[in-house]
N, C-alpha and C. Protein backbone atom coordinates (compact mmCIF):
# COMPACT_ATOMS: atom_id res chain seq x y z
N MET A 1 -24.80 41.90 28.63
CA MET A 1 -25.30 40.86 27.92
C MET A 1 -26.19 39.95 28.83
N ASP A 2 -27.39 39.63 28.44
CA ASP A 2 -28.16 38.88 29.31
C ASP A 2 -27.95 37.32 29.11
N GLN A 3 -28.50 36.47 29.87
CA GLN A 3 -28.26 35.12 29.82
C GLN A 3 -28.72 34.50 28.48
N THR A 4 -29.83 34.92 27.89
CA THR A 4 -30.35 34.39 26.62
C THR A 4 -29.43 34.67 25.59
N THR A 5 -28.82 35.88 25.51
CA THR A 5 -27.86 36.25 24.45
C THR A 5 -26.70 35.33 24.61
N ALA A 6 -26.15 35.13 25.79
CA ALA A 6 -25.00 34.26 26.02
C ALA A 6 -25.22 32.88 25.48
N VAL A 7 -26.43 32.36 25.80
CA VAL A 7 -26.84 30.98 25.45
C VAL A 7 -26.83 30.85 23.89
N VAL A 8 -27.48 31.95 23.13
CA VAL A 8 -27.51 31.97 21.76
C VAL A 8 -26.12 32.01 21.18
N ILE A 9 -25.23 32.80 21.72
CA ILE A 9 -23.87 32.92 21.23
C ILE A 9 -23.11 31.61 21.38
N ILE A 10 -23.27 30.88 22.51
CA ILE A 10 -22.61 29.63 22.73
C ILE A 10 -23.12 28.55 21.81
N VAL A 11 -24.48 28.47 21.61
CA VAL A 11 -24.99 27.58 20.65
C VAL A 11 -24.56 27.83 19.27
N ALA A 12 -24.52 29.07 18.85
CA ALA A 12 -24.16 29.43 17.51
C ALA A 12 -22.60 29.00 17.32
N LEU A 13 -21.84 29.24 18.36
CA LEU A 13 -20.43 28.86 18.33
C LEU A 13 -20.29 27.36 18.18
N LEU A 14 -21.08 26.58 18.89
CA LEU A 14 -20.99 25.11 18.81
C LEU A 14 -21.46 24.63 17.36
N VAL A 15 -22.46 25.32 16.85
CA VAL A 15 -22.88 24.91 15.55
C VAL A 15 -21.81 25.18 14.45
N VAL A 16 -21.09 26.26 14.65
CA VAL A 16 -20.09 26.57 13.69
C VAL A 16 -18.97 25.67 13.85
N LEU A 17 -18.57 25.29 15.12
CA LEU A 17 -17.45 24.30 15.29
C LEU A 17 -17.97 22.94 14.67
N ALA A 18 -19.16 22.55 14.93
CA ALA A 18 -19.57 21.18 14.40
C ALA A 18 -19.56 21.21 12.87
N VAL A 19 -19.98 22.27 12.26
CA VAL A 19 -20.02 22.40 10.75
C VAL A 19 -18.55 22.32 10.24
N ALA A 20 -17.65 23.04 10.91
CA ALA A 20 -16.21 23.14 10.56
C ALA A 20 -15.66 21.66 10.73
N TRP A 21 -15.95 21.03 11.85
CA TRP A 21 -15.40 19.63 12.07
C TRP A 21 -15.83 18.68 11.01
N MET A 22 -17.20 18.81 10.69
CA MET A 22 -17.79 17.94 9.63
C MET A 22 -17.13 18.21 8.24
N PHE A 23 -16.88 19.53 7.88
CA PHE A 23 -16.28 19.75 6.70
C PHE A 23 -14.81 19.22 6.54
N LEU A 24 -14.05 19.35 7.60
CA LEU A 24 -12.72 18.82 7.80
C LEU A 24 -12.69 17.32 7.56
N ARG A 25 -13.63 16.72 8.28
CA ARG A 25 -13.72 15.23 8.28
C ARG A 25 -14.07 14.70 6.86
N THR A 26 -15.05 15.42 6.21
CA THR A 26 -15.49 15.04 4.86
C THR A 26 -14.26 15.20 3.92
N ARG A 27 -13.52 16.29 4.11
CA ARG A 27 -12.42 16.59 3.17
C ARG A 27 -11.30 15.49 3.34
N ARG A 28 -11.01 15.08 4.57
CA ARG A 28 -10.07 14.10 4.88
C ARG A 28 -10.48 12.83 4.31
N SER A 29 -11.77 12.44 4.44
CA SER A 29 -12.27 11.16 3.87
C SER A 29 -12.14 11.21 2.36
N LYS A 30 -12.38 12.27 1.69
CA LYS A 30 -12.21 12.32 0.25
C LYS A 30 -10.73 12.23 -0.19
N GLU A 31 -9.90 12.74 0.62
CA GLU A 31 -8.52 12.66 0.38
C GLU A 31 -7.96 11.31 0.47
N LEU A 32 -8.38 10.54 1.54
CA LEU A 32 -8.02 9.14 1.71
C LEU A 32 -8.59 8.32 0.62
N GLN A 33 -9.85 8.46 0.25
CA GLN A 33 -10.47 7.72 -0.80
C GLN A 33 -9.73 7.93 -2.10
N ALA A 34 -9.31 9.22 -2.43
CA ALA A 34 -8.68 9.55 -3.71
C ALA A 34 -7.24 8.93 -3.72
N HIS A 35 -6.55 8.97 -2.60
CA HIS A 35 -5.19 8.47 -2.51
C HIS A 35 -5.18 6.92 -2.53
N PHE A 36 -5.96 6.33 -1.71
CA PHE A 36 -5.93 4.91 -1.59
C PHE A 36 -6.72 4.03 -2.53
N GLY A 37 -7.74 4.79 -3.17
CA GLY A 37 -8.51 4.11 -4.21
C GLY A 37 -9.07 2.77 -3.83
N PRO A 38 -8.59 1.73 -4.56
CA PRO A 38 -9.13 0.44 -4.33
C PRO A 38 -8.83 -0.18 -2.88
N GLU A 39 -7.70 0.20 -2.36
CA GLU A 39 -7.40 -0.23 -1.06
C GLU A 39 -8.39 0.34 -0.02
N TYR A 40 -8.79 1.61 -0.14
CA TYR A 40 -9.93 2.15 0.64
C TYR A 40 -11.20 1.31 0.55
N ASP A 41 -11.52 0.95 -0.65
CA ASP A 41 -12.77 0.23 -0.99
C ASP A 41 -12.66 -1.18 -0.36
N ARG A 42 -11.48 -1.79 -0.52
CA ARG A 42 -11.31 -3.09 0.05
C ARG A 42 -11.48 -3.13 1.57
N LEU A 43 -10.79 -2.22 2.15
CA LEU A 43 -10.88 -2.14 3.61
C LEU A 43 -12.46 -1.74 4.00
N LEU A 44 -13.14 -0.93 3.29
CA LEU A 44 -14.47 -0.65 3.64
C LEU A 44 -15.34 -1.88 3.51
N ARG A 45 -15.10 -2.76 2.48
CA ARG A 45 -15.83 -4.03 2.43
C ARG A 45 -15.43 -4.96 3.60
N GLU A 46 -14.22 -4.95 3.99
CA GLU A 46 -13.81 -5.77 5.11
C GLU A 46 -14.31 -5.28 6.41
N LYS A 47 -14.24 -4.01 6.68
CA LYS A 47 -14.52 -3.45 8.06
C LYS A 47 -15.86 -2.90 8.20
N GLY A 48 -16.44 -2.47 6.98
CA GLY A 48 -17.84 -1.95 6.99
C GLY A 48 -18.07 -0.60 7.66
N ASN A 49 -17.05 0.00 8.10
CA ASN A 49 -17.15 1.24 8.85
C ASN A 49 -16.18 2.28 8.34
N PRO A 50 -16.70 3.35 7.69
CA PRO A 50 -15.67 4.30 7.14
C PRO A 50 -14.77 4.93 8.17
N ASN A 51 -15.25 5.19 9.39
CA ASN A 51 -14.36 5.71 10.47
C ASN A 51 -13.26 4.82 10.78
N ARG A 52 -13.54 3.47 10.93
CA ARG A 52 -12.49 2.51 11.17
C ARG A 52 -11.52 2.48 10.02
N VAL A 53 -11.99 2.42 8.78
CA VAL A 53 -11.15 2.45 7.59
C VAL A 53 -10.18 3.56 7.57
N GLU A 54 -10.79 4.79 7.83
CA GLU A 54 -9.92 6.04 7.74
C GLU A 54 -9.01 6.13 8.82
N SER A 55 -9.35 5.68 10.03
CA SER A 55 -8.44 5.54 11.13
C SER A 55 -7.20 4.73 10.78
N GLU A 56 -7.57 3.52 10.26
CA GLU A 56 -6.45 2.63 9.86
C GLU A 56 -5.49 3.13 8.80
N LEU A 57 -6.11 3.74 7.79
CA LEU A 57 -5.32 4.42 6.66
C LEU A 57 -4.44 5.43 7.22
N ALA A 58 -5.02 6.34 8.03
CA ALA A 58 -4.24 7.45 8.63
C ALA A 58 -3.05 6.91 9.51
N GLU A 59 -3.34 5.77 10.23
CA GLU A 59 -2.27 5.15 11.01
C GLU A 59 -1.18 4.61 10.08
N ARG A 60 -1.63 3.99 8.99
CA ARG A 60 -0.55 3.48 8.00
C ARG A 60 0.25 4.70 7.52
N GLU A 61 -0.39 5.83 7.20
CA GLU A 61 0.43 6.96 6.68
C GLU A 61 1.40 7.42 7.75
N ARG A 62 0.93 7.42 9.01
CA ARG A 62 1.91 7.91 10.10
C ARG A 62 3.00 7.00 10.16
N ARG A 63 2.76 5.71 10.12
CA ARG A 63 3.84 4.67 10.27
C ARG A 63 4.79 4.83 9.11
N VAL A 64 4.40 4.92 7.94
CA VAL A 64 5.33 4.96 6.81
C VAL A 64 6.04 6.24 6.76
N LYS A 65 5.49 7.35 7.19
CA LYS A 65 6.26 8.60 7.28
C LYS A 65 7.44 8.51 8.14
N LYS A 66 7.33 7.64 9.06
CA LYS A 66 8.50 7.50 10.11
C LYS A 66 9.59 6.65 9.48
N LEU A 67 9.32 6.03 8.35
CA LEU A 67 10.39 5.12 7.71
C LEU A 67 11.29 5.98 6.95
N SER A 68 12.47 5.48 6.63
CA SER A 68 13.40 6.19 5.71
C SER A 68 13.33 5.56 4.29
N ILE A 69 12.16 5.72 3.61
CA ILE A 69 11.99 5.25 2.26
C ILE A 69 12.86 5.98 1.33
N ARG A 70 13.58 5.23 0.43
CA ARG A 70 14.61 6.05 -0.37
C ARG A 70 14.49 5.32 -1.80
N PRO A 71 14.77 6.16 -2.79
CA PRO A 71 14.85 5.64 -4.14
C PRO A 71 16.14 4.86 -4.28
N LEU A 72 16.19 3.97 -5.27
CA LEU A 72 17.32 3.10 -5.49
C LEU A 72 18.31 3.91 -6.40
N PRO A 73 19.54 3.72 -6.18
CA PRO A 73 20.60 4.34 -7.07
C PRO A 73 20.40 3.55 -8.47
N ARG A 74 20.80 4.34 -9.48
CA ARG A 74 20.71 3.77 -10.85
C ARG A 74 21.35 2.35 -11.01
N ASP A 75 22.56 2.19 -10.55
CA ASP A 75 23.19 0.94 -10.68
C ASP A 75 22.47 -0.25 -9.91
N VAL A 76 21.87 0.11 -8.75
CA VAL A 76 21.15 -0.91 -8.14
C VAL A 76 19.90 -1.35 -8.85
N MET A 77 19.20 -0.15 -9.42
CA MET A 77 17.98 -0.47 -10.24
C MET A 77 18.27 -1.38 -11.48
N THR A 78 19.46 -1.04 -12.08
CA THR A 78 19.84 -1.93 -13.21
C THR A 78 20.03 -3.41 -12.76
N ARG A 79 20.69 -3.59 -11.54
CA ARG A 79 20.97 -4.98 -11.23
C ARG A 79 19.72 -5.66 -10.90
N TYR A 80 18.78 -5.00 -10.24
CA TYR A 80 17.49 -5.65 -9.93
C TYR A 80 16.69 -5.94 -11.20
N SER A 81 16.73 -5.05 -12.17
CA SER A 81 16.02 -5.29 -13.45
C SER A 81 16.59 -6.48 -14.08
N GLU A 82 17.90 -6.62 -14.07
CA GLU A 82 18.44 -7.83 -14.77
C GLU A 82 18.05 -9.06 -13.94
N MET A 83 18.02 -9.01 -12.65
CA MET A 83 17.61 -10.17 -11.79
C MET A 83 16.15 -10.50 -12.20
N TRP A 84 15.35 -9.53 -12.33
CA TRP A 84 13.89 -9.67 -12.72
C TRP A 84 13.75 -10.37 -14.06
N ASN A 85 14.56 -9.82 -15.09
CA ASN A 85 14.43 -10.38 -16.46
C ASN A 85 14.89 -11.83 -16.29
N ALA A 86 15.80 -12.23 -15.50
CA ALA A 86 16.33 -13.63 -15.40
C ALA A 86 15.19 -14.56 -14.92
N GLN A 87 14.46 -14.03 -13.85
CA GLN A 87 13.26 -14.77 -13.36
C GLN A 87 12.20 -14.98 -14.42
N GLN A 88 11.90 -13.82 -15.20
CA GLN A 88 10.84 -14.00 -16.27
C GLN A 88 11.31 -14.97 -17.23
N ALA A 89 12.59 -15.00 -17.65
CA ALA A 89 13.05 -16.10 -18.53
C ALA A 89 12.89 -17.37 -17.98
N ARG A 90 13.27 -17.54 -16.74
CA ARG A 90 13.21 -18.87 -15.98
C ARG A 90 11.78 -19.35 -15.94
N PHE A 91 10.83 -18.48 -15.96
CA PHE A 91 9.36 -18.92 -15.84
C PHE A 91 8.94 -19.94 -16.83
N VAL A 92 9.60 -19.88 -17.96
CA VAL A 92 9.21 -20.83 -19.12
C VAL A 92 9.58 -22.24 -18.76
N ASP A 93 10.70 -22.46 -18.14
CA ASP A 93 11.12 -23.80 -17.80
C ASP A 93 10.77 -24.20 -16.39
N GLU A 94 10.72 -23.27 -15.45
CA GLU A 94 10.62 -23.47 -13.96
C GLU A 94 9.63 -22.48 -13.43
N PRO A 95 8.28 -22.60 -13.90
CA PRO A 95 7.39 -21.59 -13.27
C PRO A 95 7.28 -21.42 -11.80
N LYS A 96 7.29 -22.61 -11.14
CA LYS A 96 7.16 -22.59 -9.64
C LYS A 96 8.28 -21.82 -9.02
N ALA A 97 9.48 -22.25 -9.37
CA ALA A 97 10.74 -21.58 -8.76
C ALA A 97 10.82 -20.09 -9.19
N ALA A 98 10.44 -19.80 -10.42
CA ALA A 98 10.43 -18.37 -10.79
C ALA A 98 9.45 -17.47 -10.01
N VAL A 99 8.33 -18.00 -9.68
CA VAL A 99 7.36 -17.32 -8.84
C VAL A 99 7.88 -17.10 -7.35
N VAL A 100 8.37 -18.14 -6.86
CA VAL A 100 8.91 -18.11 -5.49
C VAL A 100 10.10 -17.09 -5.40
N GLU A 101 10.93 -17.05 -6.43
CA GLU A 101 12.02 -16.18 -6.49
C GLU A 101 11.52 -14.70 -6.74
N ALA A 102 10.50 -14.59 -7.55
CA ALA A 102 9.88 -13.23 -7.80
C ALA A 102 9.40 -12.67 -6.47
N ASP A 103 8.86 -13.50 -5.67
CA ASP A 103 8.29 -13.00 -4.30
C ASP A 103 9.53 -12.51 -3.47
N HIS A 104 10.65 -13.36 -3.45
CA HIS A 104 11.78 -12.92 -2.73
C HIS A 104 12.44 -11.61 -3.36
N LEU A 105 12.43 -11.55 -4.56
CA LEU A 105 12.99 -10.37 -5.25
C LEU A 105 12.22 -9.06 -4.89
N VAL A 106 10.84 -9.17 -4.93
CA VAL A 106 10.07 -7.98 -4.44
C VAL A 106 10.46 -7.64 -3.09
N GLU A 107 10.53 -8.67 -2.19
CA GLU A 107 10.81 -8.45 -0.83
C GLU A 107 12.19 -7.77 -0.65
N GLU A 108 13.16 -8.28 -1.38
CA GLU A 108 14.47 -7.77 -1.42
C GLU A 108 14.49 -6.12 -1.81
N VAL A 109 13.82 -5.90 -2.82
CA VAL A 109 13.71 -4.46 -3.37
C VAL A 109 13.06 -3.64 -2.18
N MET A 110 12.05 -4.20 -1.62
CA MET A 110 11.38 -3.46 -0.56
C MET A 110 12.27 -3.07 0.55
N LYS A 111 13.07 -4.08 0.94
CA LYS A 111 14.05 -3.94 2.03
C LYS A 111 15.05 -2.90 1.64
N GLU A 112 15.55 -3.02 0.44
CA GLU A 112 16.57 -2.01 -0.11
C GLU A 112 16.09 -0.58 -0.16
N ARG A 113 14.74 -0.43 -0.42
CA ARG A 113 14.12 0.81 -0.46
C ARG A 113 13.85 1.45 1.02
N GLY A 114 13.91 0.59 1.97
CA GLY A 114 13.68 1.08 3.33
C GLY A 114 12.33 0.56 4.04
N TYR A 115 11.68 -0.23 3.37
CA TYR A 115 10.50 -0.78 3.92
C TYR A 115 10.70 -1.96 4.87
N PRO A 116 10.12 -2.07 6.04
CA PRO A 116 10.33 -3.22 6.80
C PRO A 116 9.81 -4.45 6.19
N VAL A 117 10.41 -5.49 6.27
CA VAL A 117 9.94 -6.82 5.54
C VAL A 117 9.58 -7.89 6.45
N GLY A 118 8.90 -7.56 7.56
CA GLY A 118 8.53 -8.58 8.49
C GLY A 118 7.28 -9.33 8.04
N GLU A 119 6.27 -9.42 8.79
CA GLU A 119 5.08 -10.18 8.45
C GLU A 119 4.35 -9.62 7.24
N PHE A 120 3.81 -10.47 6.38
CA PHE A 120 3.24 -10.11 5.08
C PHE A 120 2.17 -8.98 5.23
N ASP A 121 1.22 -9.23 6.11
CA ASP A 121 0.09 -8.30 6.16
C ASP A 121 0.67 -6.90 6.50
N GLN A 122 1.66 -6.72 7.34
CA GLN A 122 2.20 -5.44 7.60
C GLN A 122 2.90 -4.86 6.43
N ARG A 123 3.67 -5.69 5.77
CA ARG A 123 4.37 -5.34 4.49
C ARG A 123 3.34 -4.80 3.47
N ALA A 124 2.26 -5.41 3.30
CA ALA A 124 1.19 -4.99 2.32
C ALA A 124 0.63 -3.67 2.79
N ALA A 125 0.38 -3.45 4.04
CA ALA A 125 -0.15 -2.27 4.65
C ALA A 125 0.84 -1.10 4.40
N ASP A 126 2.08 -1.39 4.65
CA ASP A 126 3.09 -0.36 4.34
C ASP A 126 3.24 0.02 2.99
N ILE A 127 3.15 -0.94 2.06
CA ILE A 127 3.27 -0.70 0.57
C ILE A 127 2.03 0.03 0.15
N SER A 128 0.96 -0.10 0.75
CA SER A 128 -0.30 0.47 0.24
C SER A 128 -0.24 1.96 0.40
N VAL A 129 0.58 2.59 1.23
CA VAL A 129 0.67 3.96 1.38
C VAL A 129 1.33 4.62 0.24
N ASP A 130 2.25 4.03 -0.36
CA ASP A 130 3.07 4.59 -1.49
C ASP A 130 2.62 3.95 -2.88
N HIS A 131 1.96 2.77 -2.78
CA HIS A 131 1.59 2.12 -4.00
C HIS A 131 0.17 1.45 -3.89
N PRO A 132 -0.83 2.27 -3.64
CA PRO A 132 -2.20 1.79 -3.33
C PRO A 132 -2.78 1.12 -4.57
N ARG A 133 -2.28 1.44 -5.71
CA ARG A 133 -2.97 0.86 -6.96
C ARG A 133 -2.52 -0.51 -7.24
N VAL A 134 -1.40 -1.02 -6.72
CA VAL A 134 -0.85 -2.40 -6.94
C VAL A 134 -0.89 -3.29 -5.76
N VAL A 135 -1.25 -2.72 -4.61
CA VAL A 135 -1.09 -3.59 -3.34
C VAL A 135 -2.10 -4.77 -3.46
N GLU A 136 -3.15 -4.54 -4.04
CA GLU A 136 -4.04 -5.77 -4.14
C GLU A 136 -3.46 -6.74 -5.06
N ASN A 137 -2.77 -6.41 -6.06
CA ASN A 137 -2.05 -7.44 -6.99
C ASN A 137 -1.01 -8.14 -6.12
N TYR A 138 -0.31 -7.42 -5.29
CA TYR A 138 0.68 -7.98 -4.37
C TYR A 138 0.16 -9.03 -3.50
N ARG A 139 -1.02 -8.73 -2.90
CA ARG A 139 -1.76 -9.62 -2.08
C ARG A 139 -2.08 -10.94 -2.90
N ALA A 140 -2.65 -10.70 -4.09
CA ALA A 140 -3.04 -11.82 -4.94
C ALA A 140 -1.83 -12.72 -5.27
N ALA A 141 -0.75 -12.05 -5.68
CA ALA A 141 0.51 -12.77 -6.05
C ALA A 141 1.02 -13.68 -4.86
N HIS A 142 0.99 -12.98 -3.69
CA HIS A 142 1.47 -13.73 -2.52
C HIS A 142 0.52 -14.83 -2.15
N GLU A 143 -0.71 -14.76 -2.30
CA GLU A 143 -1.69 -15.78 -2.04
C GLU A 143 -1.38 -16.94 -2.99
N ILE A 144 -1.23 -16.66 -4.30
CA ILE A 144 -0.87 -17.67 -5.29
C ILE A 144 0.41 -18.41 -4.92
N THR A 145 1.35 -17.59 -4.45
CA THR A 145 2.65 -18.28 -4.01
C THR A 145 2.42 -19.24 -2.92
N LEU A 146 1.61 -18.87 -2.01
CA LEU A 146 1.38 -19.71 -0.86
C LEU A 146 0.52 -21.03 -1.26
N ARG A 147 -0.44 -20.85 -2.19
CA ARG A 147 -1.22 -21.96 -2.79
C ARG A 147 -0.30 -22.89 -3.56
N GLU A 148 0.69 -22.31 -4.29
CA GLU A 148 1.59 -23.14 -4.97
C GLU A 148 2.46 -23.96 -4.04
N GLN A 149 2.89 -23.42 -2.88
CA GLN A 149 3.62 -24.17 -1.84
C GLN A 149 2.79 -25.36 -1.29
N ARG A 150 1.44 -25.32 -1.43
CA ARG A 150 0.59 -26.37 -0.94
C ARG A 150 0.29 -27.22 -2.19
N GLY A 151 0.75 -26.93 -3.29
CA GLY A 151 0.51 -27.72 -4.54
C GLY A 151 -0.90 -27.45 -5.12
N GLN A 152 -1.42 -26.24 -4.85
CA GLN A 152 -2.81 -25.91 -5.28
C GLN A 152 -2.86 -24.78 -6.36
N ALA A 153 -1.72 -24.56 -7.05
CA ALA A 153 -1.78 -23.52 -8.06
C ALA A 153 -1.39 -24.08 -9.36
N ASN A 154 -2.12 -23.67 -10.46
CA ASN A 154 -1.69 -24.23 -11.77
C ASN A 154 -0.77 -23.24 -12.44
N THR A 155 -0.41 -23.48 -13.67
CA THR A 155 0.52 -22.71 -14.50
C THR A 155 -0.10 -21.28 -14.73
N GLU A 156 -1.46 -21.31 -15.03
CA GLU A 156 -2.07 -20.01 -15.28
C GLU A 156 -2.03 -19.13 -14.04
N ASP A 157 -2.27 -19.69 -12.84
CA ASP A 157 -2.19 -19.02 -11.62
C ASP A 157 -0.78 -18.40 -11.37
N LEU A 158 0.23 -19.28 -11.68
CA LEU A 158 1.62 -18.76 -11.55
C LEU A 158 1.90 -17.66 -12.54
N ARG A 159 1.41 -17.76 -13.69
CA ARG A 159 1.64 -16.68 -14.67
C ARG A 159 1.01 -15.34 -14.15
N ALA A 160 -0.18 -15.47 -13.61
CA ALA A 160 -0.91 -14.30 -13.02
C ALA A 160 0.01 -13.72 -11.84
N ALA A 161 0.55 -14.65 -11.07
CA ALA A 161 1.33 -14.15 -9.96
C ALA A 161 2.58 -13.43 -10.53
N MET A 162 3.24 -13.89 -11.55
CA MET A 162 4.39 -13.18 -12.08
C MET A 162 4.00 -11.76 -12.56
N VAL A 163 2.93 -11.70 -13.18
CA VAL A 163 2.39 -10.40 -13.67
C VAL A 163 2.21 -9.45 -12.51
N TYR A 164 1.53 -9.99 -11.49
CA TYR A 164 1.16 -9.18 -10.29
C TYR A 164 2.59 -8.67 -9.55
N TYR A 165 3.40 -9.58 -9.47
CA TYR A 165 4.73 -9.25 -8.87
C TYR A 165 5.40 -8.24 -9.70
N ARG A 166 5.36 -8.37 -11.05
CA ARG A 166 6.08 -7.47 -11.90
C ARG A 166 5.52 -6.05 -11.75
N ASP A 167 4.24 -5.87 -11.59
CA ASP A 167 3.59 -4.56 -11.45
C ASP A 167 4.20 -3.82 -10.23
N LEU A 168 4.23 -4.54 -9.08
CA LEU A 168 4.79 -3.94 -7.90
C LEU A 168 6.28 -3.76 -8.08
N PHE A 169 6.96 -4.76 -8.58
CA PHE A 169 8.37 -4.64 -8.77
C PHE A 169 8.71 -3.39 -9.55
N ARG A 170 8.07 -3.13 -10.66
CA ARG A 170 8.35 -1.95 -11.54
C ARG A 170 8.14 -0.76 -10.74
N GLU A 171 6.96 -0.68 -10.03
CA GLU A 171 6.73 0.58 -9.20
C GLU A 171 7.84 0.78 -8.15
N LEU A 172 8.25 -0.30 -7.52
CA LEU A 172 9.27 -0.14 -6.47
C LEU A 172 10.63 0.37 -7.09
N LEU A 173 10.94 -0.09 -8.29
CA LEU A 173 12.22 0.30 -9.00
C LEU A 173 12.08 1.74 -9.43
N GLU A 174 11.01 2.14 -10.01
CA GLU A 174 10.87 3.46 -10.67
C GLU A 174 10.46 4.55 -9.82
N ASP A 175 9.92 4.19 -8.59
CA ASP A 175 9.38 5.22 -7.73
C ASP A 175 10.52 6.17 -7.18
N LYS A 176 10.51 7.47 -7.53
CA LYS A 176 11.53 8.38 -7.20
C LYS A 176 11.14 9.15 -5.87
N GLU A 177 9.89 9.50 -5.66
CA GLU A 177 9.48 10.14 -4.50
C GLU A 177 8.28 9.51 -3.86
N PRO A 178 8.50 8.64 -3.00
CA PRO A 178 7.32 7.92 -2.22
C PRO A 178 6.42 8.92 -1.56
N LEU A 179 5.13 8.68 -1.73
CA LEU A 179 4.16 9.64 -1.20
C LEU A 179 4.26 9.68 0.35
N GLY A 180 4.44 8.62 1.03
CA GLY A 180 4.38 8.61 2.43
C GLY A 180 5.74 8.78 3.15
N ALA A 181 6.79 9.10 2.42
CA ALA A 181 8.06 9.16 3.02
C ALA A 181 8.48 10.48 3.43
N THR A 182 9.35 10.60 4.45
CA THR A 182 9.95 11.82 4.80
C THR A 182 11.36 11.90 4.49
N ARG A 183 11.88 12.89 3.92
CA ARG A 183 13.26 12.82 3.46
C ARG A 183 14.08 13.21 4.78
N ARG A 184 15.20 12.52 4.92
CA ARG A 184 16.12 12.91 6.04
C ARG A 184 17.43 13.41 5.42
């Protein structure tokens, strides 16, 4: 084999590797977009760079896979459902207190399921792996709750927060097989 043939083979091999890498990268991008949906789009608007977005989402998936996310036993689900129903009923007379308690109830269910409940942004990032369709609602509800604490939320805002919390709460209660969890 002469030197020209060797160079052609090496260049051809590099082209094949580059095409394979681009194919795998495109496939992974489409998988992340399909799974995370609106969360992918939100991060893309925020960061402006698909590579940074995909890197962050992949890191979130790795982090959540290390957690011991578990479904709730039936009796615990029932207890939390009753607690939620009490907060919804409370909303009529005490909307501010009901929203604050709804925030705490969502956090409590997250903790019971095995999600870490430290800083809010990390909580939302963790939730986005298994519940990407409602995480933006969770952020909106939390923001309304913070505005309420500053006296800047009206009753309609509080109603919206309850609906947003309810969406995530229901998913947390009913989710049997979290997408990002590893079973132990």
